[in-house]
Amino acid sequence: MRHFTALTVAVAAALTLASPARAEVLPFPAAFKTQTVETNGTKLFVRVGGQGPAVVLLHGYGETGDMWAPLAAALMREHTVIVPDLRGMGLSDHPATGYDKVTQGRDIAGILATLHVDRYALVTHDIGNMVGFALATQQPDRVTKFALLDAPVPGVGPWEEILKNPLLWHFRFGGPDMERLVAGRERIYLDRFWNEFSADPKRFDEASRQHYAKLYALPGAMHSGFAQFAAFDQDAVDNRAWLAGGHKLTMPVLAIGGAKSFGPTMAAVMRSAASNVTEGVIPDSGHWLMEEQPAATVAMVKGFLDAK
């Protein structure tokens, strides 16, 4: 399998020298439009921009679709870039149910139907990996390429071993008492993720922390976040049932891990569920690839999408 590390190190070095330190959360390019799409019993906030073959970017926990601004800017000249906030996160609605990833895959399918998109690539991170995987199993003939960034997929590959990692205690943290503990302390709770899962916590900058903490303090947001994790058991059942049917994803898959996070384990996970997997590792990065090593991550993903 190919490794993208040499290319991305060179590109990252060049872009790092040219880029000033961020003073605020990077905005999406002005050409992007936003809209709210009613789909699958809820309303999802969506950003759309660019032209060409479609690519869907799905965020994870502790962030929103805003995390993808640098990648969206890099892709928009050659792709129509579609960036939703997942159910219960960011500026999307907070329904009481539907946080299993099969349902959320249908959420994204509804957005694509509304936008009249038939074929598309997927780029996903964290819980976005899980939603993207569900969508890819539902519409395998429509997904042209699939890049997954630094998070496992419930029930796939070494899932049970991954669950034993003490850093992942939050997978079982939830319920009304936990919500009361976190209420008004959302920033404290989220700092734990941004700090412990970074190679260097300073790379997840203060402007981003303030931005996301405000969004996760919105009414219902933390409840929805806990519901994302509470659904993992059902997600594992659903994914194992799909695998037991003899299925594998056949589109090209790029499994990217941060060198100081999941690293090559990402490829090990996806080889259990896909037949055409390329391994990618981002040097000197933890889990938050787009914050810690944005230039290297953008270069790796763009190289994968552009490859013939």
C-alpha atoms as a PDB file:
ATOM      1  CA  MET A   1       0.000   0.000   0.000  1.00  0.00           C
ATOM      2  CA  ARG A   2       1.148   3.536  -0.726  1.00  0.00           C
ATOM      3  CA  HIS A   3       2.249   6.005   1.908  1.00  0.00           C
ATOM      4  CA  PHE A   4       1.689   9.743   1.430  1.00  0.00           C
ATOM      5  CA  THR A   5       4.009  10.922   4.176  1.00  0.00           C
ATOM      6  CA  ALA A   6       6.953  12.222   2.101  1.00  0.00           C
ATOM      7  CA  LEU A   7       4.730  14.420  -0.059  1.00  0.00           C
ATOM      8  CA  THR A   8       2.779  15.833   2.832  1.00  0.00           C
ATOM      9  CA  VAL A   9       5.848  16.662   4.912  1.00  0.00           C
ATOM     10  CA  ALA A  10       7.236  18.751   2.050  1.00  0.00           C
ATOM     11  CA  VAL A  11       3.952  20.529   1.379  1.00  0.00           C
ATOM     12  CA  ALA A  12       3.357  21.097   5.086  1.00  0.00           C
ATOM     13  CA  ALA A  13       6.773  22.694   5.519  1.00  0.00           C
ATOM     14  CA  ALA A  14       6.159  25.101   2.647  1.00  0.00           C
ATOM     15  CA  LEU A  15       2.661  26.085   3.749  1.00  0.00           C
ATOM     16  CA  THR A  16       3.629  26.432   7.390  1.00  0.00           C
ATOM     17  CA  LEU A  17       6.281  28.991   6.507  1.00  0.00           C
ATOM     18  CA  ALA A  18       3.741  30.943   4.462  1.00  0.00           C
ATOM     19  CA  SER A  19       0.876  30.857   6.967  1.00  0.00           C
ATOM     20  CA  PRO A  20       0.565  33.235   9.940  1.00  0.00           C
ATOM     21  CA  ALA A  21      -0.755  32.041  13.272  1.00  0.00           C
ATOM     22  CA  ARG A  22      -4.546  32.037  13.450  1.00  0.00           C
ATOM     23  CA  ALA A  23      -6.256  34.782  15.433  1.00  0.00           C
ATOM     24  CA  GLU A  24      -9.784  33.444  14.792  1.00  0.00           C
ATOM     25  CA  VAL A  25     -11.530  30.385  13.416  1.00  0.00           C
ATOM     26  CA  LEU A  26     -10.866  30.189   9.707  1.00  0.00           C
ATOM     27  CA  PRO A  27     -14.000  31.093   7.742  1.00  0.00           C
ATOM     28  CA  PHE A  28     -15.253  29.226   4.705  1.00  0.00           C
ATOM     29  CA  PRO A  29     -14.585  30.990   1.386  1.00  0.00           C
ATOM     30  CA  ALA A  30     -17.114  33.725   0.672  1.00  0.00           C
ATOM     31  CA  ALA A  31     -18.409  31.811  -2.362  1.00  0.00           C
ATOM     32  CA  PHE A  32     -19.873  29.124  -0.097  1.00  0.00           C
ATOM     33  CA  LYS A  33     -23.612  29.301   0.508  1.00  0.00           C
ATOM     34  CA  THR A  34     -25.414  27.994   3.569  1.00  0.00           C
ATOM     35  CA  GLN A  35     -28.863  26.501   3.853  1.00  0.00           C
ATOM     36  CA  THR A  36     -30.974  24.355   6.145  1.00  0.00           C
ATOM     37  CA  VAL A  37     -32.148  21.086   4.622  1.00  0.00           C
ATOM     38  CA  GLU A  38     -35.140  19.188   5.988  1.00  0.00           C
ATOM     39  CA  THR A  39     -34.279  15.510   5.802  1.00  0.00           C
ATOM     40  CA  ASN A  40     -35.173  12.272   7.541  1.00  0.00           C
ATOM     41  CA  GLY A  41     -37.265  13.953  10.244  1.00  0.00           C
ATOM     42  CA  THR A  42     -34.793  16.687  11.187  1.00  0.00           C
ATOM     43  CA  LYS A  43     -33.171  19.867   9.845  1.00  0.00           C
ATOM     44  CA  LEU A  44     -29.469  19.998   9.030  1.00  0.00           C
ATOM     45  CA  PHE A  45     -27.281  23.037   8.436  1.00  0.00           C
ATOM     46  CA  VAL A  46     -25.235  22.681   5.240  1.00  0.00           C
ATOM     47  CA  ARG A  47     -22.462  24.649   3.515  1.00  0.00           C
ATOM     48  CA  VAL A  48     -22.075  24.227  -0.270  1.00  0.00           C
ATOM     49  CA  GLY A  49     -19.499  25.728  -2.612  1.00  0.00           C
ATOM     50  CA  GLY A  50     -17.258  25.072  -5.593  1.00  0.00           C
ATOM     51  CA  GLN A  51     -17.825  23.245  -8.839  1.00  0.00           C
ATOM     52  CA  GLY A  52     -17.131  19.818 -10.264  1.00  0.00           C
ATOM     53  CA  PRO A  53     -17.489  16.294  -8.840  1.00  0.00           C
ATOM     54  CA  ALA A  54     -19.050  16.322  -5.394  1.00  0.00           C
ATOM     55  CA  VAL A  55     -17.176  15.645  -2.166  1.00  0.00           C
ATOM     56  CA  VAL A  56     -18.917  15.424   1.219  1.00  0.00           C
ATOM     57  CA  LEU A  57     -16.973  16.400   4.371  1.00  0.00           C
ATOM     58  CA  LEU A  58     -18.282  15.005   7.686  1.00  0.00           C
ATOM     59  CA  HIS A  59     -16.976  16.299  11.022  1.00  0.00           C
ATOM     60  CA  GLY A  60     -16.730  14.616  14.416  1.00  0.00           C
ATOM     61  CA  TYR A  61     -17.313  15.288  18.103  1.00  0.00           C
ATOM     62  CA  GLY A  62     -15.854  18.421  19.686  1.00  0.00           C
ATOM     63  CA  GLU A  63     -16.110  20.261  16.371  1.00  0.00           C
ATOM     64  CA  THR A  64     -18.609  21.073  13.619  1.00  0.00           C
ATOM     65  CA  GLY A  65     -18.396  21.361   9.851  1.00  0.00           C
ATOM     66  CA  ASP A  66     -16.390  24.546  10.488  1.00  0.00           C
ATOM     67  CA  MET A  67     -13.291  22.347  10.980  1.00  0.00           C
ATOM     68  CA  TRP A  68     -13.142  21.718   7.235  1.00  0.00           C
ATOM     69  CA  ALA A  69     -12.692  25.336   6.061  1.00  0.00           C
ATOM     70  CA  PRO A  70      -9.041  24.927   4.899  1.00  0.00           C
ATOM     71  CA  LEU A  71      -9.816  21.711   3.031  1.00  0.00           C
ATOM     72  CA  ALA A  72     -12.953  23.173   1.483  1.00  0.00           C
ATOM     73  CA  ALA A  73     -10.926  26.119   0.190  1.00  0.00           C
ATOM     74  CA  ALA A  74      -8.369  23.751  -1.339  1.00  0.00           C
ATOM     75  CA  LEU A  75     -10.995  21.562  -3.033  1.00  0.00           C
ATOM     76  CA  MET A  76     -13.556  24.069  -4.297  1.00  0.00           C
ATOM     77  CA  ARG A  77     -11.841  24.829  -7.638  1.00  0.00           C
ATOM     78  CA  GLU A  78     -12.268  21.239  -8.785  1.00  0.00           C
ATOM     79  CA  HIS A  79     -15.086  19.920  -6.588  1.00  0.00           C
ATOM     80  CA  THR A  80     -18.541  20.803  -5.381  1.00  0.00           C
ATOM     81  CA  VAL A  81     -17.901  20.700  -1.628  1.00  0.00           C
ATOM     82  CA  ILE A  82     -20.793  19.789   0.693  1.00  0.00           C
ATOM     83  CA  VAL A  83     -20.255  20.272   4.435  1.00  0.00           C
ATOM     84  CA  PRO A  84     -23.142  19.528   6.831  1.00  0.00           C
ATOM     85  CA  ASP A  85     -23.299  19.782  10.582  1.00  0.00           C
ATOM     86  CA  LEU A  86     -24.344  16.338  11.791  1.00  0.00           C
ATOM     87  CA  ARG A  87     -27.639  15.701  13.552  1.00  0.00           C
ATOM     88  CA  GLY A  88     -27.625  17.346  16.990  1.00  0.00           C
ATOM     89  CA  MET A  89     -24.347  19.189  16.401  1.00  0.00           C
ATOM     90  CA  GLY A  90     -23.352  22.707  15.376  1.00  0.00           C
ATOM     91  CA  LEU A  91     -26.220  24.641  13.811  1.00  0.00           C
ATOM     92  CA  SER A  92     -28.284  21.575  12.942  1.00  0.00           C
ATOM     93  CA  ASP A  93     -31.392  20.664  14.914  1.00  0.00           C
ATOM     94  CA  HIS A  94     -31.289  18.561  18.088  1.00  0.00           C
ATOM     95  CA  PRO A  95     -33.949  15.856  17.719  1.00  0.00           C
ATOM     96  CA  ALA A  96     -34.586  13.523  20.640  1.00  0.00           C
ATOM     97  CA  THR A  97     -33.635  10.369  18.746  1.00  0.00           C
ATOM     98  CA  GLY A  98     -31.854   9.132  15.630  1.00  0.00           C
ATOM     99  CA  TYR A  99     -28.213   9.188  16.735  1.00  0.00           C
ATOM    100  CA  ASP A 100     -27.428   5.706  15.487  1.00  0.00           C
ATOM    101  CA  LYS A 101     -25.212   6.021  12.453  1.00  0.00           C
ATOM    102  CA  VAL A 102     -27.540   4.152  10.086  1.00  0.00           C
ATOM    103  CA  THR A 103     -30.114   6.890  10.655  1.00  0.00           C
ATOM    104  CA  GLN A 104     -27.501   9.601  10.256  1.00  0.00           C
ATOM    105  CA  GLY A 105     -26.294   8.029   7.025  1.00  0.00           C
ATOM    106  CA  ARG A 106     -29.840   8.496   5.779  1.00  0.00           C
ATOM    107  CA  ASP A 107     -29.672  12.116   6.959  1.00  0.00           C
ATOM    108  CA  ILE A 108     -26.752  12.740   4.616  1.00  0.00           C
ATOM    109  CA  ALA A 109     -28.421  10.789   1.812  1.00  0.00           C
ATOM    110  CA  GLY A 110     -31.377  13.149   2.179  1.00  0.00           C
ATOM    111  CA  ILE A 111     -29.121  16.188   1.829  1.00  0.00           C
ATOM    112  CA  LEU A 112     -27.585  14.731  -1.326  1.00  0.00           C
ATOM    113  CA  ALA A 113     -31.019  14.002  -2.773  1.00  0.00           C
ATOM    114  CA  THR A 114     -32.093  17.591  -2.078  1.00  0.00           C
ATOM    115  CA  LEU A 115     -28.966  18.868  -3.842  1.00  0.00           C
ATOM    116  CA  HIS A 116     -29.468  16.413  -6.743  1.00  0.00           C
ATOM    117  CA  VAL A 117     -26.070  14.774  -6.154  1.00  0.00           C
ATOM    118  CA  ASP A 118     -25.856  11.203  -7.441  1.00  0.00           C
ATOM    119  CA  ARG A 119     -22.134  10.363  -7.072  1.00  0.00           C
ATOM    120  CA  TYR A 120     -19.714  11.757  -4.523  1.00  0.00           C
ATOM    121  CA  ALA A 121     -16.503  11.226  -2.573  1.00  0.00           C
ATOM    122  CA  LEU A 122     -16.486  11.113   1.230  1.00  0.00           C
ATOM    123  CA  VAL A 123     -13.938  12.677   3.594  1.00  0.00           C
ATOM    124  CA  THR A 124     -14.694  12.085   7.260  1.00  0.00           C
ATOM    125  CA  HIS A 125     -13.225  12.496  10.746  1.00  0.00           C
ATOM    126  CA  ASP A 126     -14.067  11.000  14.147  1.00  0.00           C
ATOM    127  CA  ILE A 127     -17.842  10.338  14.425  1.00  0.00           C
ATOM    128  CA  GLY A 128     -18.032  11.483  10.817  1.00  0.00           C
ATOM    129  CA  ASN A 129     -16.168   8.241   9.984  1.00  0.00           C
ATOM    130  CA  MET A 130     -19.003   6.254  11.506  1.00  0.00           C
ATOM    131  CA  VAL A 131     -21.728   8.200   9.703  1.00  0.00           C
ATOM    132  CA  GLY A 132     -19.770   8.054   6.459  1.00  0.00           C
ATOM    133  CA  PHE A 133     -19.290   4.294   6.808  1.00  0.00           C
ATOM    134  CA  ALA A 134     -23.037   3.804   7.279  1.00  0.00           C
ATOM    135  CA  LEU A 135     -23.730   5.956   4.228  1.00  0.00           C
ATOM    136  CA  ALA A 136     -21.163   4.050   2.151  1.00  0.00           C
ATOM    137  CA  THR A 137     -22.800   0.731   3.054  1.00  0.00           C
ATOM    138  CA  GLN A 138     -26.190   2.160   2.060  1.00  0.00           C
ATOM    139  CA  GLN A 139     -25.013   3.662  -1.240  1.00  0.00           C
ATOM    140  CA  PRO A 140     -21.813   1.798  -2.213  1.00  0.00           C
ATOM    141  CA  ASP A 141     -22.253   2.369  -5.938  1.00  0.00           C
ATOM    142  CA  ARG A 142     -22.505   6.138  -5.462  1.00  0.00           C
ATOM    143  CA  VAL A 143     -19.344   6.649  -3.386  1.00  0.00           C
ATOM    144  CA  THR A 144     -16.358   7.207  -5.665  1.00  0.00           C
ATOM    145  CA  LYS A 145     -13.660   7.465  -2.955  1.00  0.00           C
ATOM    146  CA  PHE A 146     -13.666   7.407   0.840  1.00  0.00           C
ATOM    147  CA  ALA A 147     -11.052   8.999   3.136  1.00  0.00           C
ATOM    148  CA  LEU A 148     -11.419   8.333   6.880  1.00  0.00           C
ATOM    149  CA  LEU A 149      -9.417  10.339   9.436  1.00  0.00           C
ATOM    150  CA  ASP A 150      -8.294   9.030  12.818  1.00  0.00           C
ATOM    151  CA  ALA A 151     -11.199   7.272  14.533  1.00  0.00           C
ATOM    152  CA  PRO A 152     -12.484   3.696  14.680  1.00  0.00           C
ATOM    153  CA  VAL A 153     -15.761   2.377  13.314  1.00  0.00           C
ATOM    154  CA  PRO A 154     -17.968   0.471  15.794  1.00  0.00           C
ATOM    155  CA  GLY A 155     -17.910  -3.275  15.264  1.00  0.00           C
ATOM    156  CA  VAL A 156     -15.253  -3.102  12.544  1.00  0.00           C
ATOM    157  CA  GLY A 157     -11.771  -4.602  12.898  1.00  0.00           C
ATOM    158  CA  PRO A 158     -10.203  -4.421  16.389  1.00  0.00           C
ATOM    159  CA  TRP A 159     -13.181  -2.575  17.882  1.00  0.00           C
ATOM    160  CA  GLU A 160     -13.248  -4.554  21.137  1.00  0.00           C
ATOM    161  CA  GLU A 161      -9.536  -3.962  21.730  1.00  0.00           C
ATOM    162  CA  ILE A 162      -9.918  -0.257  21.000  1.00  0.00           C
ATOM    163  CA  LEU A 163     -12.682  -0.033  23.601  1.00  0.00           C
ATOM    164  CA  LYS A 164     -10.233  -1.156  26.300  1.00  0.00           C
ATOM    165  CA  ASN A 165      -8.176   2.032  25.930  1.00  0.00           C
ATOM    166  CA  PRO A 166      -8.735   4.007  29.183  1.00  0.00           C
ATOM    167  CA  LEU A 167      -8.569   7.295  27.253  1.00  0.00           C
ATOM    168  CA  LEU A 168     -11.905   6.357  25.683  1.00  0.00           C
ATOM    169  CA  TRP A 169     -13.909   6.356  28.925  1.00  0.00           C
ATOM    170  CA  HIS A 170     -16.187   8.986  27.408  1.00  0.00           C
ATOM    171  CA  PHE A 171     -17.720   6.318  25.134  1.00  0.00           C
ATOM    172  CA  ARG A 172     -19.700   5.191  28.224  1.00  0.00           C
ATOM    173  CA  PHE A 173     -20.148   8.617  29.808  1.00  0.00           C
ATOM    174  CA  GLY A 174     -23.687   9.930  29.515  1.00  0.00           C
ATOM    175  CA  GLY A 175     -27.145  10.122  30.986  1.00  0.00           C
ATOM    176  CA  PRO A 176     -28.973  12.837  32.947  1.00  0.00           C
ATOM    177  CA  ASP A 177     -26.539  12.982  35.871  1.00  0.00           C
ATOM    178  CA  MET A 178     -23.560  13.390  33.535  1.00  0.00           C
ATOM    179  CA  GLU A 179     -25.404  16.111  31.660  1.00  0.00           C
ATOM    180  CA  ARG A 180     -25.971  17.959  34.953  1.00  0.00           C
ATOM    181  CA  LEU A 181     -22.267  17.672  35.782  1.00  0.00           C
ATOM    182  CA  VAL A 182     -21.267  19.158  32.434  1.00  0.00           C
ATOM    183  CA  ALA A 183     -23.961  21.864  32.202  1.00  0.00           C
ATOM    184  CA  GLY A 184     -22.255  25.259  32.316  1.00  0.00           C
ATOM    185  CA  ARG A 185     -18.877  23.496  32.201  1.00  0.00           C
ATOM    186  CA  GLU A 186     -18.883  22.551  28.531  1.00  0.00           C
ATOM    187  CA  ARG A 187     -15.515  24.190  27.928  1.00  0.00           C
ATOM    188  CA  ILE A 188     -13.915  22.193  30.771  1.00  0.00           C
ATOM    189  CA  TYR A 189     -15.291  18.947  29.349  1.00  0.00           C
ATOM    190  CA  LEU A 190     -14.233  19.718  25.768  1.00  0.00           C
ATOM    191  CA  ASP A 191     -10.761  20.899  26.793  1.00  0.00           C
ATOM    192  CA  ARG A 192     -10.143  17.379  28.006  1.00  0.00           C
ATOM    193  CA  PHE A 193     -10.646  16.068  24.432  1.00  0.00           C
ATOM    194  CA  TRP A 194      -8.654  18.805  22.746  1.00  0.00           C
ATOM    195  CA  ASN A 195      -5.757  18.458  25.203  1.00  0.00           C
ATOM    196  CA  GLU A 196      -5.480  14.709  25.708  1.00  0.00           C
ATOM    197  CA  PHE A 197      -5.950  13.769  22.064  1.00  0.00           C
ATOM    198  CA  SER A 198      -3.458  16.318  20.674  1.00  0.00           C
ATOM    199  CA  ALA A 199       0.238  15.735  20.142  1.00  0.00           C
ATOM    200  CA  ASP A 200       0.617  19.340  21.338  1.00  0.00           C
ATOM    201  CA  PRO A 201      -2.498  20.967  22.889  1.00  0.00           C
ATOM    202  CA  LYS A 202      -1.326  24.449  21.844  1.00  0.00           C
ATOM    203  CA  ARG A 203      -2.090  23.552  18.237  1.00  0.00           C
ATOM    204  CA  PHE A 204      -5.804  23.479  19.023  1.00  0.00           C
ATOM    205  CA  ASP A 205      -5.907  27.227  19.361  1.00  0.00           C
ATOM    206  CA  GLU A 206      -7.895  29.355  21.769  1.00  0.00           C
ATOM    207  CA  ALA A 207     -10.111  30.893  19.082  1.00  0.00           C
ATOM    208  CA  SER A 208     -11.247  27.432  17.985  1.00  0.00           C
ATOM    209  CA  ARG A 209     -11.844  26.336  21.575  1.00  0.00           C
ATOM    210  CA  GLN A 210     -14.047  29.334  22.287  1.00  0.00           C
ATOM    211  CA  HIS A 211     -15.935  28.890  19.028  1.00  0.00           C
ATOM    212  CA  TYR A 212     -16.781  25.222  19.540  1.00  0.00           C
ATOM    213  CA  ALA A 213     -17.452  25.566  23.266  1.00  0.00           C
ATOM    214  CA  LYS A 214     -20.183  28.137  22.494  1.00  0.00           C
ATOM    215  CA  LEU A 215     -21.799  25.801  19.966  1.00  0.00           C
ATOM    216  CA  TYR A 216     -21.730  22.845  22.364  1.00  0.00           C
ATOM    217  CA  ALA A 217     -23.281  25.021  25.097  1.00  0.00           C
ATOM    218  CA  LEU A 218     -26.396  25.633  22.964  1.00  0.00           C
ATOM    219  CA  PRO A 219     -29.609  24.113  24.362  1.00  0.00           C
ATOM    220  CA  GLY A 220     -29.679  20.383  23.692  1.00  0.00           C
ATOM    221  CA  ALA A 221     -26.192  20.226  22.211  1.00  0.00           C
ATOM    222  CA  MET A 222     -24.463  18.310  24.983  1.00  0.00           C
ATOM    223  CA  HIS A 223     -27.413  15.907  25.286  1.00  0.00           C
ATOM    224  CA  SER A 224     -27.091  15.220  21.557  1.00  0.00           C
ATOM    225  CA  GLY A 225     -23.348  14.712  21.904  1.00  0.00           C
ATOM    226  CA  PHE A 226     -23.809  12.107  24.615  1.00  0.00           C
ATOM    227  CA  ALA A 227     -26.428  10.425  22.410  1.00  0.00           C
ATOM    228  CA  GLN A 228     -23.847  10.053  19.629  1.00  0.00           C
ATOM    229  CA  PHE A 229     -21.703   7.912  21.939  1.00  0.00           C
ATOM    230  CA  ALA A 230     -24.632   6.049  23.502  1.00  0.00           C
ATOM    231  CA  ALA A 231     -25.538   4.757  20.031  1.00  0.00           C
ATOM    232  CA  PHE A 232     -22.185   2.991  19.540  1.00  0.00           C
ATOM    233  CA  ASP A 233     -23.505  -0.376  20.722  1.00  0.00           C
ATOM    234  CA  GLN A 234     -26.284  -0.280  18.136  1.00  0.00           C
ATOM    235  CA  ASP A 235     -23.805   0.941  15.524  1.00  0.00           C
ATOM    236  CA  ALA A 236     -21.579  -2.066  16.224  1.00  0.00           C
ATOM    237  CA  VAL A 237     -24.554  -4.431  15.841  1.00  0.00           C
ATOM    238  CA  ASP A 238     -25.514  -2.813  12.535  1.00  0.00           C
ATOM    239  CA  ASN A 239     -21.980  -2.888  11.129  1.00  0.00           C
ATOM    240  CA  ARG A 240     -21.345  -6.493  12.165  1.00  0.00           C
ATOM    241  CA  ALA A 241     -24.601  -7.537  10.525  1.00  0.00           C
ATOM    242  CA  TRP A 242     -23.491  -5.863   7.294  1.00  0.00           C
ATOM    243  CA  LEU A 243     -20.073  -7.546   7.423  1.00  0.00           C
ATOM    244  CA  ALA A 244     -21.653 -10.906   8.228  1.00  0.00           C
ATOM    245  CA  GLY A 245     -23.508 -10.670   4.932  1.00  0.00           C
ATOM    246  CA  GLY A 246     -20.169 -11.015   3.141  1.00  0.00           C
ATOM    247  CA  HIS A 247     -20.004  -7.372   2.145  1.00  0.00           C
ATOM    248  CA  LYS A 248     -16.918  -5.191   1.693  1.00  0.00           C
ATOM    249  CA  LEU A 249     -16.548  -1.653   0.426  1.00  0.00           C
ATOM    250  CA  THR A 250     -14.892  -1.721  -3.002  1.00  0.00           C
ATOM    251  CA  MET A 251     -14.266   1.982  -3.696  1.00  0.00           C
ATOM    252  CA  PRO A 252     -10.705   3.293  -3.043  1.00  0.00           C
ATOM    253  CA  VAL A 253     -10.307   3.980   0.677  1.00  0.00           C
ATOM    254  CA  LEU A 254      -7.646   6.164   2.317  1.00  0.00           C
ATOM    255  CA  ALA A 255      -7.296   5.442   6.034  1.00  0.00           C
ATOM    256  CA  ILE A 256      -5.401   8.298   7.714  1.00  0.00           C
ATOM    257  CA  GLY A 257      -4.141   8.252  11.270  1.00  0.00           C
ATOM    258  CA  GLY A 258      -2.205  10.792  13.274  1.00  0.00           C
ATOM    259  CA  ALA A 259       1.246   9.400  14.052  1.00  0.00           C
ATOM    260  CA  LYS A 260       0.647  10.052  17.761  1.00  0.00           C
ATOM    261  CA  SER A 261      -2.931   8.789  17.695  1.00  0.00           C
ATOM    262  CA  PHE A 262      -4.385   5.935  15.628  1.00  0.00           C
ATOM    263  CA  GLY A 263      -1.538   5.938  13.098  1.00  0.00           C
ATOM    264  CA  PRO A 264      -1.492   2.745  10.966  1.00  0.00           C
ATOM    265  CA  THR A 265      -4.312   1.245  13.058  1.00  0.00           C
ATOM    266  CA  MET A 266      -6.704   3.198  10.845  1.00  0.00           C
ATOM    267  CA  ALA A 267      -5.692   1.083   7.861  1.00  0.00           C
ATOM    268  CA  ALA A 268      -5.968  -2.106   9.952  1.00  0.00           C
ATOM    269  CA  VAL A 269      -9.526  -1.153  10.864  1.00  0.00           C
ATOM    270  CA  MET A 270     -10.580  -0.455   7.304  1.00  0.00           C
ATOM    271  CA  ARG A 271      -8.960  -3.539   5.779  1.00  0.00           C
ATOM    272  CA  SER A 272     -11.535  -5.503   7.747  1.00  0.00           C
ATOM    273  CA  ALA A 273     -14.316  -3.806   5.800  1.00  0.00           C
ATOM    274  CA  ALA A 274     -12.843  -2.647   2.470  1.00  0.00           C
ATOM    275  CA  SER A 275     -10.869  -4.299  -0.310  1.00  0.00           C
ATOM    276  CA  ASN A 276      -8.870  -1.340  -1.661  1.00  0.00           C
ATOM    277  CA  VAL A 277      -7.246   0.435   1.291  1.00  0.00           C
ATOM    278  CA  THR A 278      -4.308   2.844   1.249  1.00  0.00           C
ATOM    279  CA  GLU A 279      -2.582   3.704   4.529  1.00  0.00           C
ATOM    280  CA  GLY A 280      -1.751   7.302   5.379  1.00  0.00           C
ATOM    281  CA  VAL A 281      -0.014   8.612   8.501  1.00  0.00           C
ATOM    282  CA  ILE A 282       0.325  12.317   9.354  1.00  0.00           C
ATOM    283  CA  PRO A 283       3.631  12.913  11.183  1.00  0.00           C
ATOM    284  CA  ASP A 284       3.717  14.774  14.507  1.00  0.00           C
ATOM    285  CA  SER A 285      -0.044  14.829  14.903  1.00  0.00           C
ATOM    286  CA  GLY A 286      -2.554  13.507  17.372  1.00  0.00           C
ATOM    287  CA  HIS A 287      -6.255  13.096  16.679  1.00  0.00           C
ATOM    288  CA  TRP A 288      -7.029  16.676  15.600  1.00  0.00           C
ATOM    289  CA  LEU A 289      -5.413  16.471  12.170  1.00  0.00           C
ATOM    290  CA  MET A 290      -6.999  19.597  10.684  1.00  0.00           C
ATOM    291  CA  GLU A 291      -5.882  21.707  13.648  1.00  0.00           C
ATOM    292  CA  GLU A 292      -2.494  20.136  14.359  1.00  0.00           C
ATOM    293  CA  GLN A 293      -1.202  19.551  10.828  1.00  0.00           C
ATOM    294  CA  PRO A 294      -3.639  21.214   8.421  1.00  0.00           C
ATOM    295  CA  ALA A 295      -1.264  21.582   5.472  1.00  0.00           C
ATOM    296  CA  ALA A 296      -0.136  17.959   5.594  1.00  0.00           C
ATOM    297  CA  THR A 297      -3.695  16.715   6.008  1.00  0.00           C
ATOM    298  CA  VAL A 298      -5.045  18.837   3.145  1.00  0.00           C
ATOM    299  CA  ALA A 299      -2.212  17.691   0.880  1.00  0.00           C
ATOM    300  CA  MET A 300      -2.803  14.022   1.673  1.00  0.00           C
ATOM    301  CA  VAL A 301      -6.562  14.172   1.162  1.00  0.00           C
ATOM    302  CA  LYS A 302      -6.322  16.279  -1.989  1.00  0.00           C
ATOM    303  CA  GLY A 303      -3.697  13.948  -3.450  1.00  0.00           C
ATOM    304  CA  PHE A 304      -5.986  11.001  -2.850  1.00  0.00           C
ATOM    305  CA  LEU A 305      -9.026  12.697  -4.386  1.00  0.00           C
ATOM    306  CA  ASP A 306      -7.065  13.946  -7.395  1.00  0.00           C
ATOM    307  CA  ALA A 307      -5.373  10.619  -8.178  1.00  0.00           C
ATOM    308  CA  LYS A 308      -6.724   8.889 -11.290  1.00  0.00           C
END
